[in-house]
């Protein structure tokens, strides 16, 4: 064969190695690279390139630059362990790691954006709230100012009106005062007899009363007591007068007739009835009992009529 030809020598690992041994390598990244093997035979040199395809078969390419030498068993150094192979799934693992990191970054960034949006919204709400409060305060102040202005205008008008009608107001005040005094006097005049009778009733222990009917042209003159009797005196025209006497008594109409009427009036009396009450009348005098009280009307003949006596009895 010529020098330019390549000679392949297939030599099994069993023929070239002294025997299989367990690898002592702890980290395959630091294993030596495969080296060139040189076969020396006299003046000829053969460069052998090892090309590894499998752990058991080694292909040696020998380039010959001279005449082929007699076949001899070449001396081959021990083949070192192969470097670690790259994990075919490492790229996928790295891609997943990157994708996870990107998702984490996206989640963090979205959360940060959400927090920022919430803070911004809260700040805007606070600003809006403060603006509303300020508007309300300003509105209240304006309303208060308007009320003050209205009151001031009203007071000015009242002052002007008062000054203009000062004399009329004074006269009106006097007239009102006079009317009040007159009304008070009338009330006192009407109620004074009742008050006087109540005072006399307290003093005597008699449940005395004042008649709501008074004959025309007559008016109360005095209220006084005589022992256990309350006496009310009325005065009329031309010195006419009559009295009403009230005292406690346990008599009935029959006892009154026996014990008083026959003795005081004799046989000249009339018996009349008013509201279930028996009244004994003698000219302008009268006597009756009601609710444990003995009543008497004493007057000069002709001062009172029977009708007036009946009205007085009915009003007591």
Protein backbone atom coordinates (compact mmCIF):
# COMPACT_ATOMS: atom_id res chain seq x y z
CA UNK A 1 0.00 0.00 0.00
CA UNK A 2 1.15 3.58 -0.65
CA UNK A 3 1.94 6.17 2.00
CA UNK A 4 -1.13 8.22 1.27
CA UNK A 5 -3.42 5.40 1.98
CA UNK A 6 -5.02 5.10 5.31
CA UNK A 7 -4.96 1.91 7.15
CA UNK A 8 -7.65 1.15 9.60
CA UNK A 9 -6.75 -1.05 12.37
CA UNK A 10 -9.66 -2.40 14.37
CA UNK A 11 -8.48 -3.48 17.64
CA UNK A 12 -10.87 -4.50 20.39
CA UNK A 13 -10.55 -3.21 23.92
CA UNK A 14 -9.98 -6.72 25.08
CA UNK A 15 -6.88 -6.99 22.87
CA UNK A 16 -5.41 -3.59 23.67
CA UNK A 17 -6.22 -3.16 27.37
CA UNK A 18 -4.81 -5.25 30.12
CA UNK A 19 -8.19 -5.58 31.72
CA UNK A 20 -11.35 -3.55 32.67
CA UNK A 21 -11.07 -1.56 35.84
CA UNK A 22 -13.65 0.55 37.71
CA UNK A 23 -13.36 4.26 37.12
CA UNK A 24 -11.84 6.25 40.00
CA UNK A 25 -12.93 9.58 38.56
CA UNK A 26 -15.06 11.68 40.88
CA UNK A 27 -15.81 14.47 38.42
CA UNK A 28 -15.71 13.72 34.74
CA UNK A 29 -15.25 17.35 33.77
CA UNK A 30 -11.61 17.07 34.78
CA UNK A 31 -10.76 13.88 32.80
CA UNK A 32 -7.99 14.27 30.31
CA UNK A 33 -8.81 14.54 26.69
CA UNK A 34 -7.94 11.60 24.38
CA UNK A 35 -4.31 11.83 23.16
CA UNK A 36 -2.64 10.94 19.89
CA UNK A 37 -0.85 7.64 19.79
CA UNK A 38 2.46 7.33 17.91
CA UNK A 39 3.82 3.94 16.71
CA UNK A 40 7.59 3.96 16.07
CA UNK A 41 9.24 1.26 13.89
CA UNK A 42 12.83 2.03 12.80
CA UNK A 43 12.93 4.92 10.40
CA UNK A 44 9.18 4.94 9.88
CA UNK A 45 6.76 6.84 11.93
CA UNK A 46 3.04 6.18 12.00
CA UNK A 47 0.69 8.74 13.47
CA UNK A 48 -2.40 7.15 14.93
CA UNK A 49 -5.56 9.09 15.53
CA UNK A 50 -8.05 7.57 17.80
CA UNK A 51 -11.69 8.11 17.08
CA UNK A 52 -14.00 6.91 19.76
CA UNK A 53 -17.40 5.67 18.80
CA UNK A 54 -18.19 3.25 21.60
CA UNK A 55 -16.66 2.15 24.89
CA UNK A 56 -15.58 -1.19 23.44
CA UNK A 57 -14.34 -0.38 19.90
CA UNK A 58 -11.50 1.94 19.06
CA UNK A 59 -10.78 2.91 15.46
CA UNK A 60 -7.21 3.91 14.80
CA UNK A 61 -6.40 5.76 11.60
CA UNK A 62 -2.78 5.35 10.64
CA UNK A 63 -1.17 7.56 8.08
CA UNK A 64 1.89 5.94 6.53
CA UNK A 65 4.64 8.08 5.12
CA UNK A 66 6.94 5.17 4.14
CA UNK A 67 6.95 1.58 3.13
CA UNK A 68 4.80 -0.63 5.24
CA UNK A 69 6.74 -2.30 7.97
CA UNK A 70 6.35 -5.80 9.08
CA UNK A 71 3.18 -6.22 11.12
CA UNK A 72 3.77 -5.92 14.75
CA UNK A 73 1.47 -5.50 17.65
CA UNK A 74 1.34 -1.72 18.27
CA UNK A 75 1.87 -0.38 21.69
CA UNK A 76 -1.26 1.58 22.68
CA UNK A 77 -1.65 3.53 25.82
CA UNK A 78 -4.63 3.01 28.08
CA UNK A 79 -7.70 4.96 26.94
CA UNK A 80 -8.98 7.31 29.63
CA UNK A 81 -12.64 7.49 30.72
CA UNK A 82 -15.03 9.44 28.54
CA UNK A 83 -16.09 12.96 29.56
CA UNK A 84 -19.62 13.35 31.05
CA UNK A 85 -22.36 13.63 28.47
CA UNK A 86 -24.60 16.64 28.48
CA UNK A 87 -28.06 16.03 29.93
CA UNK A 88 -30.47 16.19 26.97
CA UNK A 89 -33.23 17.54 29.29
CA UNK A 90 -31.06 20.29 30.74
CA UNK A 91 -32.32 22.82 28.17
CA UNK A 92 -35.93 22.06 29.03
CA UNK A 93 -35.16 22.37 32.77
CA UNK A 94 -33.43 25.72 32.22
CA UNK A 95 -36.34 26.92 30.08
CA UNK A 96 -38.83 25.96 32.81
CA UNK A 97 -36.72 27.76 35.42
CA UNK A 98 -36.64 30.88 33.27
CA UNK A 99 -40.39 30.63 32.63
CA UNK A 100 -41.06 30.26 36.38
CA UNK A 101 -38.83 33.23 37.18
CA UNK A 102 -40.64 35.26 34.51
CA UNK A 103 -44.05 34.28 35.98
CA UNK A 104 -42.82 35.23 39.47
CA UNK A 105 -41.59 38.57 38.13
CA UNK A 106 -44.92 39.12 36.34
CA UNK A 107 -46.90 38.21 39.49
CA UNK A 108 -44.75 40.51 41.62
CA UNK A 109 -45.05 43.32 39.11
CA UNK A 110 -48.84 42.85 38.80
CA UNK A 111 -49.22 42.86 42.60
CA UNK A 112 -47.11 45.99 42.84
CA UNK A 113 -49.23 47.63 40.13
CA UNK A 114 -52.42 46.59 41.94
CA UNK A 115 -51.15 47.98 45.27
CA UNK A 116 -50.13 51.19 43.56
CA UNK A 117 -53.58 51.49 41.93
CA UNK A 118 -55.30 50.88 45.29
CA UNK A 119 -53.13 53.49 47.00
CA UNK A 120 -53.85 55.96 44.22
CA UNK A 121 -57.60 55.29 44.43
CA UNK A 122 -57.56 55.70 48.24
CA UNK A 123 -55.63 58.94 47.93
CA UNK A 124 -58.12 60.24 45.35
CA UNK A 125 -61.02 59.23 47.63
CA UNK A 126 -59.44 61.08 50.56
CA UNK A 127 -58.93 64.16 48.40
CA UNK A 128 -62.54 64.00 47.16
CA UNK A 129 -63.79 63.54 50.73
CA UNK A 130 -61.80 66.53 51.94
CA UNK A 131 -63.12 68.59 49.03
CA UNK A 132 -66.72 67.64 49.87
CA UNK A 133 -66.18 68.53 53.54
CA UNK A 134 -64.68 71.86 52.53
CA UNK A 135 -67.63 72.54 50.23
CA UNK A 136 -70.10 71.73 53.02
CA UNK A 137 -68.29 73.99 55.46
CA UNK A 138 -68.21 76.82 52.94
CA UNK A 139 -71.92 76.31 52.15
CA UNK A 140 -72.83 76.35 55.86
CA UNK A 141 -70.82 79.51 56.38
CA UNK A 142 -72.53 81.14 53.42
CA UNK A 143 -75.95 80.13 54.75
CA UNK A 144 -75.06 81.45 58.20
CA UNK A 145 -73.92 84.73 56.66
CA UNK A 146 -77.20 84.96 54.74
CA UNK A 147 -79.20 84.33 57.92
CA UNK A 148 -77.21 87.00 59.75
CA UNK A 149 -77.82 89.44 56.92
CA UNK A 150 -81.55 88.65 56.93
CA UNK A 151 -81.75 89.12 60.70
CA UNK A 152 -79.84 92.39 60.47
CA UNK A 153 -82.18 93.65 57.73
CA UNK A 154 -85.21 92.53 59.69
CA UNK A 155 -83.97 94.25 62.86
CA UNK A 156 -83.28 97.42 60.89
CA UNK A 157 -86.82 97.33 59.50
CA UNK A 158 -88.25 96.74 62.95
CA UNK A 159 -86.25 99.64 64.38
CA UNK A 160 -87.44 101.93 61.60
CA UNK A 161 -91.01 100.75 62.04
CA UNK A 162 -90.79 101.21 65.79
CA UNK A 163 -89.38 104.70 65.44
CA UNK A 164 -92.02 105.58 62.91
CA UNK A 165 -94.86 104.25 65.05
CA UNK A 166 -93.39 104.97 68.47
CA UNK A 167 -96.29 107.15 69.62
CA UNK A 168 -98.84 104.63 68.42
CA UNK A 169 -96.99 101.85 70.21
CA UNK A 170 -96.98 103.82 73.45
CA UNK A 171 -100.70 104.47 73.19
CA UNK A 172 -101.31 100.84 72.34
CA UNK A 173 -99.30 99.78 75.37
CA UNK A 174 -101.31 102.03 77.66
CA UNK A 175 -104.60 100.82 76.20
CA UNK A 176 -103.55 97.22 76.58
CA UNK A 177 -102.48 97.80 80.16
CA UNK A 178 -105.78 99.52 80.97
CA UNK A 179 -107.74 96.67 79.42
CA UNK A 180 -105.76 94.15 81.43
CA UNK A 181 -106.43 96.07 84.65
CA UNK A 182 -110.14 96.30 83.90
CA UNK A 183 -110.35 92.61 83.04
CA UNK A 184 -108.45 91.72 86.19
CA UNK A 185 -110.77 93.89 88.26
CA UNK A 186 -113.79 92.24 86.70
CA UNK A 187 -112.39 88.80 87.39
CA UNK A 188 -111.65 89.77 90.98
CA UNK A 189 -115.13 91.26 91.35
CA UNK A 190 -116.74 88.09 90.06
CA UNK A 191 -114.61 85.71 92.06
CA UNK A 192 -114.23 87.76 95.23
CA UNK A 193 -117.62 86.68 96.69
CA UNK A 194 -116.79 83.05 96.14
CA UNK A 195 -113.42 83.59 97.78
CA UNK A 196 -115.02 85.37 100.75
CA UNK A 197 -117.63 82.61 101.14
CA UNK A 198 -114.93 79.92 101.04
CA UNK A 199 -112.98 81.74 103.74
CA UNK A 200 -116.08 82.01 105.93
CA UNK A 201 -116.86 78.31 105.29
CA UNK A 202 -113.41 77.37 106.51
CA UNK A 203 -113.88 79.45 109.64
CA UNK A 204 -117.27 77.91 110.52
CA UNK A 205 -116.84 74.41 109.17
CA UNK A 206 -119.95 74.78 106.97
CA UNK A 207 -119.80 73.77 103.32
CA UNK A 208 -121.26 77.13 102.31
CA UNK A 209 -121.77 78.19 98.70
CA UNK A 210 -122.41 81.41 96.78
CA UNK A 211 -125.51 81.61 94.55
CA UNK A 212 -124.80 81.87 90.84
CA UNK A 213 -128.06 83.82 90.42
CA UNK A 214 -128.45 87.32 91.80
CA UNK A 215 -131.69 89.30 91.43
CA UNK A 216 -131.54 92.28 89.11
CA UNK A 217 -130.18 95.51 90.59
CA UNK A 218 -128.78 93.61 93.59
CA UNK A 219 -125.12 93.11 94.38
CA UNK A 220 -123.15 91.50 97.16
CA UNK A 221 -122.40 93.80 100.04
CA UNK A 222 -120.68 91.64 102.63
CA UNK A 223 -119.89 88.11 103.77
CA UNK A 224 -119.54 87.43 107.51
CA UNK A 225 -120.10 84.77 110.11
CA UNK A 226 -122.26 84.57 113.21
CA UNK A 227 -121.14 81.69 115.35
CA UNK A 228 -121.48 78.61 113.14
CA UNK A 229 -123.55 80.44 110.49
CA UNK A 230 -122.29 81.99 107.25
CA UNK A 231 -124.27 85.09 106.21
CA UNK A 232 -124.18 86.70 102.74
CA UNK A 233 -125.70 90.17 102.47
CA UNK A 234 -127.03 91.72 99.22
CA UNK A 235 -127.97 95.36 98.69
CA UNK A 236 -130.39 96.68 96.08
CA UNK A 237 -132.08 99.92 94.99
CA UNK A 238 -133.85 102.21 97.49
CA UNK A 239 -132.01 100.63 100.43
CA UNK A 240 -133.51 97.22 99.69
CA UNK A 241 -131.55 94.36 101.18
CA UNK A 242 -131.76 90.62 101.84
CA UNK A 243 -129.53 88.01 103.42
CA UNK A 244 -128.84 84.31 102.86
CA UNK A 245 -127.90 82.31 105.97
CA UNK A 246 -126.26 78.83 105.82
CA UNK A 247 -125.59 76.51 108.74
CA UNK A 248 -125.21 72.81 109.44
CA UNK A 249 -128.38 70.83 110.27
CA UNK A 250 -129.62 67.26 110.48
CA UNK A 251 -133.24 68.21 109.77
CA UNK A 252 -135.34 67.12 106.87
CA UNK A 253 -138.30 69.06 105.43
CA UNK A 254 -140.76 67.73 108.05
CA UNK A 255 -138.43 68.52 110.94
CA UNK A 256 -137.83 71.96 109.46
CA UNK A 257 -141.57 72.57 109.28
CA UNK A 258 -142.12 71.50 112.88
CA UNK A 259 -139.04 73.02 114.49
CA UNK A 260 -138.70 76.29 112.59
CA UNK A 261 -141.36 77.24 110.01
CA UNK A 262 -144.42 77.02 112.27
CA UNK A 263 -142.68 78.96 114.98
CA UNK A 264 -141.26 81.65 112.67
CA UNK A 265 -143.98 81.99 110.05
CA UNK A 266 -147.04 80.74 111.91
CA UNK A 267 -149.65 79.67 109.47
CA UNK A 268 -148.91 82.27 106.79
CA UNK A 269 -146.50 80.32 104.56
CA UNK A 270 -146.63 78.66 101.16
CA UNK A 271 -144.97 75.39 100.18
CA UNK A 272 -143.31 75.20 96.77
CA UNK A 273 -140.95 72.68 95.18
CA UNK A 274 -137.84 73.35 93.09
CA UNK A 275 -135.51 70.59 91.81
CA UNK A 276 -136.87 68.12 94.41
CA UNK A 277 -136.42 70.60 97.27
CA UNK A 278 -139.33 71.64 99.51
CA UNK A 279 -139.31 75.41 100.10
CA UNK A 280 -141.40 77.17 102.74
CA UNK A 281 -142.10 80.80 101.69
CA UNK A 282 -143.47 83.65 103.81
CA UNK A 283 -143.70 86.91 101.80
CA UNK A 284 -140.01 87.58 100.91
CA UNK A 285 -138.73 85.08 103.48
CA UNK A 286 -137.92 81.42 102.73
CA UNK A 287 -136.50 78.34 104.48
CA UNK A 288 -135.34 74.90 103.18
CA UNK A 289 -132.81 72.11 103.87
CA UNK A 290 -130.49 70.40 101.39
CA UNK A 291 -127.50 68.10 101.87
CA UNK A 292 -127.32 68.67 105.62
CA UNK A 293 -127.43 72.47 105.41
CA UNK A 294 -130.23 74.71 106.62
CA UNK A 295 -130.78 77.69 104.28
CA UNK A 296 -132.77 80.88 105.07
CA UNK A 297 -133.62 83.99 103.06
CA UNK A 298 -134.54 87.00 105.15
CA UNK A 299 -135.95 90.18 103.58
CA UNK A 300 -138.57 92.86 103.99
CA UNK A 301 -141.94 92.11 102.41
CA UNK A 302 -142.03 92.91 98.71
CA UNK A 303 -138.23 92.83 98.20
CA UNK A 304 -138.22 89.40 96.48
CA UNK A 305 -140.82 87.54 94.48
CA UNK A 306 -141.47 83.82 94.61
CA UNK A 307 -139.83 83.39 91.21
CA UNK A 308 -136.65 85.14 92.38
CA UNK A 309 -136.63 82.98 95.52
CA UNK A 310 -136.95 79.82 93.38
CA UNK A 311 -134.06 80.97 91.16
CA UNK A 312 -131.86 81.66 94.19
CA UNK A 313 -132.63 78.19 95.65
CA UNK A 314 -131.86 76.52 92.30
CA UNK A 315 -128.49 78.33 91.98
CA UNK A 316 -127.16 77.30 95.39
